[in-house]
């Protein structure tokens, strides 16, 4: 990995976020969120949108 690698923001069915190298196939259960760029740009995007760290299934169970 280099500073020039392109990453993308990915999320799973539980709406948990991560980053993945853009030139690699996504692992099963993950989909692209739509953001791609440097590692820092992707991490910044995750910080912006992932404000509730609880999995989706837990959020839906709680009032």
Protein backbone atom coordinates (compact mmCIF):
# COMPACT_ATOMS: atom_id res chain seq x y z
CA UNK A 1 0.00 0.00 0.00
CA UNK A 2 1.17 3.47 -0.83
CA UNK A 3 0.05 7.03 -0.20
CA UNK A 4 -1.34 7.00 -3.74
CA UNK A 5 -3.73 4.08 -3.16
CA UNK A 6 -7.39 4.77 -3.82
CA UNK A 7 -9.85 3.54 -1.23
CA UNK A 8 -13.60 3.43 -1.11
CA UNK A 9 -16.04 3.60 1.74
CA UNK A 10 -18.01 0.40 2.18
CA UNK A 11 -20.78 -0.71 4.49
CA UNK A 12 -22.52 -3.92 5.40
CA UNK A 13 -26.15 -4.85 6.04
CA UNK A 14 -25.80 -3.69 9.65
CA UNK A 15 -24.74 -0.25 8.35
CA UNK A 16 -21.25 -0.59 9.79
CA UNK A 17 -18.63 1.31 7.78
CA UNK A 18 -15.11 0.49 6.70
CA UNK A 19 -12.64 1.33 3.94
CA UNK A 20 -11.45 -1.00 1.20
CA UNK A 21 -8.85 -0.66 -1.52
CA UNK A 22 -10.76 0.39 -4.64
CA UNK A 23 -8.95 -2.04 -6.94
CA UNK A 24 -10.00 -5.09 -4.91
CA UNK A 25 -13.25 -7.01 -5.04
CA UNK A 26 -15.49 -6.35 -2.07
CA UNK A 27 -15.87 -9.14 0.46
CA UNK A 28 -19.25 -10.83 0.72
CA UNK A 29 -21.76 -8.82 2.68
CA UNK A 30 -20.22 -5.42 1.90
CA UNK A 31 -21.26 -2.80 -0.66
CA UNK A 32 -19.77 0.46 -1.87
CA UNK A 33 -21.19 3.58 -0.22
CA UNK A 34 -20.19 5.84 -3.10
CA UNK A 35 -17.17 7.68 -1.71
CA UNK A 36 -13.69 7.01 -3.10
CA UNK A 37 -10.39 8.78 -2.58
CA UNK A 38 -7.39 8.78 -0.30
CA UNK A 39 -7.44 6.80 2.91
CA UNK A 40 -7.87 10.00 4.91
CA UNK A 41 -10.71 11.26 2.70
CA UNK A 42 -12.55 7.99 3.22
CA UNK A 43 -11.95 7.99 6.96
CA UNK A 44 -13.18 11.60 7.12
CA UNK A 45 -16.36 10.59 5.27
CA UNK A 46 -16.99 7.73 7.71
CA UNK A 47 -16.52 10.08 10.66
CA UNK A 48 -19.05 12.44 9.09
CA UNK A 49 -21.79 9.89 8.38
CA UNK A 50 -21.35 7.14 10.99
CA UNK A 51 -22.63 8.97 14.03
CA UNK A 52 -24.27 5.98 15.76
CA UNK A 53 -21.90 3.04 16.08
CA UNK A 54 -24.62 0.56 17.08
CA UNK A 55 -25.47 -2.05 14.43
CA UNK A 56 -28.72 -1.37 12.55
CA UNK A 57 -30.46 -4.39 14.10
CA UNK A 58 -29.78 -3.09 17.62
CA UNK A 59 -30.91 0.45 16.74
CA UNK A 60 -34.19 -0.95 15.40
CA UNK A 61 -34.82 -2.90 18.62
CA UNK A 62 -34.31 0.08 20.91
CA UNK A 63 -36.92 2.82 21.32
